Amino acid sequence: MNAFLLIFPGVAILCAPALWLILGRPRWLRPSPKKSTDAPSISIIIPARNEEENIRHLLASLQTQDTSPLEIIVVNDGSKDRTAQVSQELGAAVLKAQALPGGWHGKPWACHQGAERAKGEWLLFLDADTILQEGALTALQQLTSADPKVYSLCPYHTITRP
């Protein structure tokens, strides 16, 4: 019994750093992302058709970012629901998509129109059913600050059944 009382605290002390690494540090101990004062401005372009419910969640997630985009442009591509109204209510600029010219498809045409209107140095195209985690825009700026190129990011997907 005395040996156990001597060995157990020693093992616990040796295992504590491993548990710390495995379980992760508490959020308040993690280093916060560095904010750059000379970060390029970001225009967010969201092509949307009949996305009234989804766009609410995306625009709410954009409001929680620690980096504010220069502008959020929702290209309303012929929605029959309240996509445009909801987007405006949540602070996005809404652009009504023009008629589809020959040789174009709907979503690329909507993205093109949004890009033509955008004023930011960087263009970030998001699907209306996307939700960004807190800090996502800052992480993207940090990723591209050293070597700016064209990036295509694949989001983490969560699939649920109703």
C-alpha atoms as a PDB file:
ATOM      1  CA  MET A   1       0.000   0.000   0.000  1.00  0.00           C
ATOM      2  CA  ASN A   2       2.820   2.413   0.843  1.00  0.00           C
ATOM      3  CA  ALA A   3       4.466   1.683  -2.512  1.00  0.00           C
ATOM      4  CA  PHE A   4       1.213   2.559  -4.286  1.00  0.00           C
ATOM      5  CA  LEU A   5       1.021   5.884  -2.469  1.00  0.00           C
ATOM      6  CA  LEU A   6       4.551   6.678  -3.600  1.00  0.00           C
ATOM      7  CA  ILE A   7       4.230   5.469  -7.207  1.00  0.00           C
ATOM      8  CA  PHE A   8       0.752   6.787  -8.070  1.00  0.00           C
ATOM      9  CA  PRO A   9       1.578  10.515  -7.678  1.00  0.00           C
ATOM     10  CA  GLY A  10       4.749  10.043  -9.717  1.00  0.00           C
ATOM     11  CA  VAL A  11       2.865   8.331 -12.555  1.00  0.00           C
ATOM     12  CA  ALA A  12       0.173  11.014 -12.436  1.00  0.00           C
ATOM     13  CA  ILE A  13       2.798  13.752 -12.722  1.00  0.00           C
ATOM     14  CA  LEU A  14       4.444  11.990 -15.666  1.00  0.00           C
ATOM     15  CA  CYS A  15       1.120  11.429 -17.476  1.00  0.00           C
ATOM     16  CA  ALA A  16      -0.245  14.952 -16.999  1.00  0.00           C
ATOM     17  CA  PRO A  17       1.653  16.476 -19.969  1.00  0.00           C
ATOM     18  CA  ALA A  18       0.468  13.649 -22.239  1.00  0.00           C
ATOM     19  CA  LEU A  19      -3.141  14.222 -21.200  1.00  0.00           C
ATOM     20  CA  TRP A  20      -2.658  17.934 -21.776  1.00  0.00           C
ATOM     21  CA  LEU A  21      -1.511  17.265 -25.352  1.00  0.00           C
ATOM     22  CA  ILE A  22      -4.205  14.677 -26.054  1.00  0.00           C
ATOM     23  CA  LEU A  23      -7.142  16.596 -24.618  1.00  0.00           C
ATOM     24  CA  GLY A  24      -5.949  20.035 -25.667  1.00  0.00           C
ATOM     25  CA  ARG A  25      -5.441  23.173 -23.704  1.00  0.00           C
ATOM     26  CA  PRO A  26      -8.444  25.107 -22.460  1.00  0.00           C
ATOM     27  CA  ARG A  27      -9.515  27.751 -24.966  1.00  0.00           C
ATOM     28  CA  TRP A  28      -8.447  30.620 -22.702  1.00  0.00           C
ATOM     29  CA  LEU A  29      -4.861  29.279 -22.700  1.00  0.00           C
ATOM     30  CA  ARG A  30      -4.581  28.936 -26.477  1.00  0.00           C
ATOM     31  CA  PRO A  31      -2.714  31.689 -28.286  1.00  0.00           C
ATOM     32  CA  SER A  32      -5.080  34.035 -30.060  1.00  0.00           C
ATOM     33  CA  PRO A  33      -4.560  34.493 -33.789  1.00  0.00           C
ATOM     34  CA  LYS A  34      -2.398  37.432 -34.736  1.00  0.00           C
ATOM     35  CA  LYS A  35      -4.306  40.208 -36.419  1.00  0.00           C
ATOM     36  CA  SER A  36      -2.673  41.930 -39.315  1.00  0.00           C
ATOM     37  CA  THR A  37      -3.322  45.620 -39.783  1.00  0.00           C
ATOM     38  CA  ASP A  38      -2.298  45.488 -43.427  1.00  0.00           C
ATOM     39  CA  ALA A  39      -4.455  42.495 -44.370  1.00  0.00           C
ATOM     40  CA  PRO A  40      -6.116  42.757 -47.771  1.00  0.00           C
ATOM     41  CA  SER A  41      -9.789  43.669 -47.881  1.00  0.00           C
ATOM     42  CA  ILE A  42     -12.177  40.782 -48.504  1.00  0.00           C
ATOM     43  CA  SER A  43     -15.338  40.784 -50.583  1.00  0.00           C
ATOM     44  CA  ILE A  44     -17.563  37.815 -49.874  1.00  0.00           C
ATOM     45  CA  ILE A  45     -19.717  36.700 -52.781  1.00  0.00           C
ATOM     46  CA  ILE A  46     -22.608  34.314 -52.206  1.00  0.00           C
ATOM     47  CA  PRO A  47     -24.581  33.034 -55.206  1.00  0.00           C
ATOM     48  CA  ALA A  48     -28.011  32.032 -53.907  1.00  0.00           C
ATOM     49  CA  ARG A  49     -31.239  30.588 -55.258  1.00  0.00           C
ATOM     50  CA  ASN A  50     -34.038  29.705 -52.845  1.00  0.00           C
ATOM     51  CA  GLU A  51     -31.696  29.686 -49.834  1.00  0.00           C
ATOM     52  CA  GLU A  52     -33.862  31.623 -47.360  1.00  0.00           C
ATOM     53  CA  GLU A  53     -33.202  29.258 -44.453  1.00  0.00           C
ATOM     54  CA  ASN A  54     -29.541  28.472 -45.164  1.00  0.00           C
ATOM     55  CA  ILE A  55     -28.430  32.044 -45.809  1.00  0.00           C
ATOM     56  CA  ARG A  56     -29.551  33.095 -42.322  1.00  0.00           C
ATOM     57  CA  HIS A  57     -27.004  30.758 -40.762  1.00  0.00           C
ATOM     58  CA  LEU A  58     -24.187  31.772 -43.109  1.00  0.00           C
ATOM     59  CA  LEU A  59     -24.724  35.501 -42.589  1.00  0.00           C
ATOM     60  CA  ALA A  60     -24.938  34.983 -38.814  1.00  0.00           C
ATOM     61  CA  SER A  61     -21.605  33.122 -38.901  1.00  0.00           C
ATOM     62  CA  LEU A  62     -20.042  35.998 -40.847  1.00  0.00           C
ATOM     63  CA  GLN A  63     -21.123  38.424 -38.120  1.00  0.00           C
ATOM     64  CA  THR A  64     -19.128  36.460 -35.527  1.00  0.00           C
ATOM     65  CA  GLN A  65     -15.828  36.715 -37.399  1.00  0.00           C
ATOM     66  CA  ASP A  66     -12.948  38.617 -35.810  1.00  0.00           C
ATOM     67  CA  THR A  67     -12.067  39.986 -39.252  1.00  0.00           C
ATOM     68  CA  SER A  68     -14.796  41.967 -40.954  1.00  0.00           C
ATOM     69  CA  PRO A  69     -15.155  41.645 -44.704  1.00  0.00           C
ATOM     70  CA  LEU A  70     -15.252  44.831 -46.751  1.00  0.00           C
ATOM     71  CA  GLU A  71     -18.589  43.735 -48.168  1.00  0.00           C
ATOM     72  CA  ILE A  72     -20.931  40.785 -48.418  1.00  0.00           C
ATOM     73  CA  ILE A  73     -22.649  40.432 -51.773  1.00  0.00           C
ATOM     74  CA  VAL A  74     -25.513  37.987 -52.216  1.00  0.00           C
ATOM     75  CA  VAL A  75     -26.277  37.380 -55.884  1.00  0.00           C
ATOM     76  CA  ASN A  76     -29.965  36.467 -55.924  1.00  0.00           C
ATOM     77  CA  ASP A  77     -30.235  34.060 -58.826  1.00  0.00           C
ATOM     78  CA  GLY A  78     -33.998  33.941 -59.416  1.00  0.00           C
ATOM     79  CA  SER A  79     -35.139  32.945 -55.927  1.00  0.00           C
ATOM     80  CA  LYS A  80     -38.853  32.300 -55.404  1.00  0.00           C
ATOM     81  CA  ASP A  81     -38.556  32.532 -51.605  1.00  0.00           C
ATOM     82  CA  ARG A  82     -37.370  35.358 -49.310  1.00  0.00           C
ATOM     83  CA  THR A  83     -33.631  34.888 -49.939  1.00  0.00           C
ATOM     84  CA  ALA A  84     -33.157  38.518 -51.032  1.00  0.00           C
ATOM     85  CA  GLN A  85     -35.182  40.018 -48.173  1.00  0.00           C
ATOM     86  CA  VAL A  86     -33.486  37.904 -45.492  1.00  0.00           C
ATOM     87  CA  SER A  87     -30.056  38.778 -46.905  1.00  0.00           C
ATOM     88  CA  GLN A  88     -30.836  42.505 -46.844  1.00  0.00           C
ATOM     89  CA  GLU A  89     -32.246  42.296 -43.312  1.00  0.00           C
ATOM     90  CA  LEU A  90     -28.976  40.700 -42.167  1.00  0.00           C
ATOM     91  CA  GLY A  91     -26.812  43.398 -43.748  1.00  0.00           C
ATOM     92  CA  ALA A  92     -25.758  41.920 -47.083  1.00  0.00           C
ATOM     93  CA  ALA A  93     -25.874  43.828 -50.351  1.00  0.00           C
ATOM     94  CA  VAL A  94     -28.203  41.978 -52.716  1.00  0.00           C
ATOM     95  CA  LEU A  95     -27.526  41.914 -56.429  1.00  0.00           C
ATOM     96  CA  LYS A  96     -30.285  40.625 -58.694  1.00  0.00           C
ATOM     97  CA  ALA A  97     -28.758  38.254 -61.236  1.00  0.00           C
ATOM     98  CA  GLN A  98     -29.112  39.315 -64.844  1.00  0.00           C
ATOM     99  CA  ALA A  99     -30.551  37.038 -67.504  1.00  0.00           C
ATOM    100  CA  LEU A 100     -28.380  34.031 -68.273  1.00  0.00           C
ATOM    101  CA  PRO A 101     -26.422  34.586 -71.509  1.00  0.00           C
ATOM    102  CA  GLY A 102     -25.727  31.761 -73.952  1.00  0.00           C
ATOM    103  CA  GLY A 103     -22.856  29.485 -72.966  1.00  0.00           C
ATOM    104  CA  TRP A 104     -23.160  30.223 -69.243  1.00  0.00           C
ATOM    105  CA  HIS A 105     -24.612  28.162 -66.413  1.00  0.00           C
ATOM    106  CA  GLY A 106     -26.456  29.657 -63.440  1.00  0.00           C
ATOM    107  CA  LYS A 107     -23.992  29.476 -60.569  1.00  0.00           C
ATOM    108  CA  PRO A 108     -20.844  30.489 -62.495  1.00  0.00           C
ATOM    109  CA  TRP A 109     -22.799  33.384 -64.018  1.00  0.00           C
ATOM    110  CA  ALA A 110     -23.947  34.513 -60.560  1.00  0.00           C
ATOM    111  CA  CYS A 111     -20.351  34.285 -59.251  1.00  0.00           C
ATOM    112  CA  HIS A 112     -19.098  36.299 -62.240  1.00  0.00           C
ATOM    113  CA  GLN A 113     -21.640  39.057 -61.627  1.00  0.00           C
ATOM    114  CA  GLY A 114     -20.703  39.224 -57.955  1.00  0.00           C
ATOM    115  CA  ALA A 115     -16.998  39.411 -58.833  1.00  0.00           C
ATOM    116  CA  GLU A 116     -17.666  42.260 -61.262  1.00  0.00           C
ATOM    117  CA  ARG A 117     -19.385  44.242 -58.501  1.00  0.00           C
ATOM    118  CA  ALA A 118     -16.888  43.434 -55.724  1.00  0.00           C
ATOM    119  CA  LYS A 119     -14.459  46.080 -54.464  1.00  0.00           C
ATOM    120  CA  GLY A 120     -12.241  43.960 -52.211  1.00  0.00           C
ATOM    121  CA  GLU A 121      -8.654  42.973 -52.937  1.00  0.00           C
ATOM    122  CA  TRP A 122      -9.590  39.350 -52.259  1.00  0.00           C
ATOM    123  CA  LEU A 123     -12.735  37.585 -53.389  1.00  0.00           C
ATOM    124  CA  LEU A 124     -14.154  34.797 -51.237  1.00  0.00           C
ATOM    125  CA  PHE A 125     -16.942  32.772 -52.852  1.00  0.00           C
ATOM    126  CA  LEU A 126     -19.172  30.888 -50.412  1.00  0.00           C
ATOM    127  CA  ASP A 127     -22.125  28.592 -50.936  1.00  0.00           C
ATOM    128  CA  ALA A 128     -25.234  29.754 -49.103  1.00  0.00           C
ATOM    129  CA  ASP A 129     -25.364  26.535 -47.077  1.00  0.00           C
ATOM    130  CA  THR A 130     -21.900  27.134 -45.599  1.00  0.00           C
ATOM    131  CA  ILE A 131     -21.316  28.119 -41.976  1.00  0.00           C
ATOM    132  CA  LEU A 132     -17.921  29.558 -41.015  1.00  0.00           C
ATOM    133  CA  GLN A 133     -16.389  28.800 -37.657  1.00  0.00           C
ATOM    134  CA  GLU A 134     -15.293  31.694 -35.506  1.00  0.00           C
ATOM    135  CA  GLY A 135     -11.903  32.964 -36.705  1.00  0.00           C
ATOM    136  CA  ALA A 136     -12.163  31.422 -40.180  1.00  0.00           C
ATOM    137  CA  LEU A 137     -11.486  34.672 -42.071  1.00  0.00           C
ATOM    138  CA  THR A 138      -8.437  35.451 -39.939  1.00  0.00           C
ATOM    139  CA  ALA A 139      -7.125  31.918 -40.484  1.00  0.00           C
ATOM    140  CA  LEU A 140      -7.592  32.331 -44.227  1.00  0.00           C
ATOM    141  CA  GLN A 141      -5.713  35.636 -44.184  1.00  0.00           C
ATOM    142  CA  GLN A 142      -2.858  34.048 -42.249  1.00  0.00           C
ATOM    143  CA  LEU A 143      -2.754  31.110 -44.663  1.00  0.00           C
ATOM    144  CA  THR A 144      -2.388  33.333 -47.674  1.00  0.00           C
ATOM    145  CA  SER A 145      -0.367  36.237 -46.263  1.00  0.00           C
ATOM    146  CA  ALA A 146       3.040  34.679 -46.921  1.00  0.00           C
ATOM    147  CA  ASP A 147       2.256  33.290 -50.366  1.00  0.00           C
ATOM    148  CA  PRO A 148      -0.928  34.718 -51.913  1.00  0.00           C
ATOM    149  CA  LYS A 149      -2.324  32.538 -54.665  1.00  0.00           C
ATOM    150  CA  VAL A 150      -5.659  31.173 -55.705  1.00  0.00           C
ATOM    151  CA  TYR A 151      -6.901  28.814 -53.009  1.00  0.00           C
ATOM    152  CA  SER A 152      -9.724  26.333 -53.066  1.00  0.00           C
ATOM    153  CA  LEU A 153     -10.726  25.191 -49.623  1.00  0.00           C
ATOM    154  CA  CYS A 154     -12.836  22.138 -48.925  1.00  0.00           C
ATOM    155  CA  PRO A 155     -14.933  22.633 -45.817  1.00  0.00           C
ATOM    156  CA  TYR A 156     -15.490  20.160 -43.041  1.00  0.00           C
ATOM    157  CA  HIS A 157     -18.839  18.522 -43.704  1.00  0.00           C
ATOM    158  CA  THR A 158     -21.325  17.407 -41.109  1.00  0.00           C
ATOM    159  CA  ILE A 159     -24.099  15.257 -42.493  1.00  0.00           C
ATOM    160  CA  THR A 160     -27.163  14.776 -40.342  1.00  0.00           C
ATOM    161  CA  ARG A 161     -30.496  13.119 -40.867  1.00  0.00           C
ATOM    162  CA  PRO A 162     -33.732  14.820 -39.832  1.00  0.00           C
END
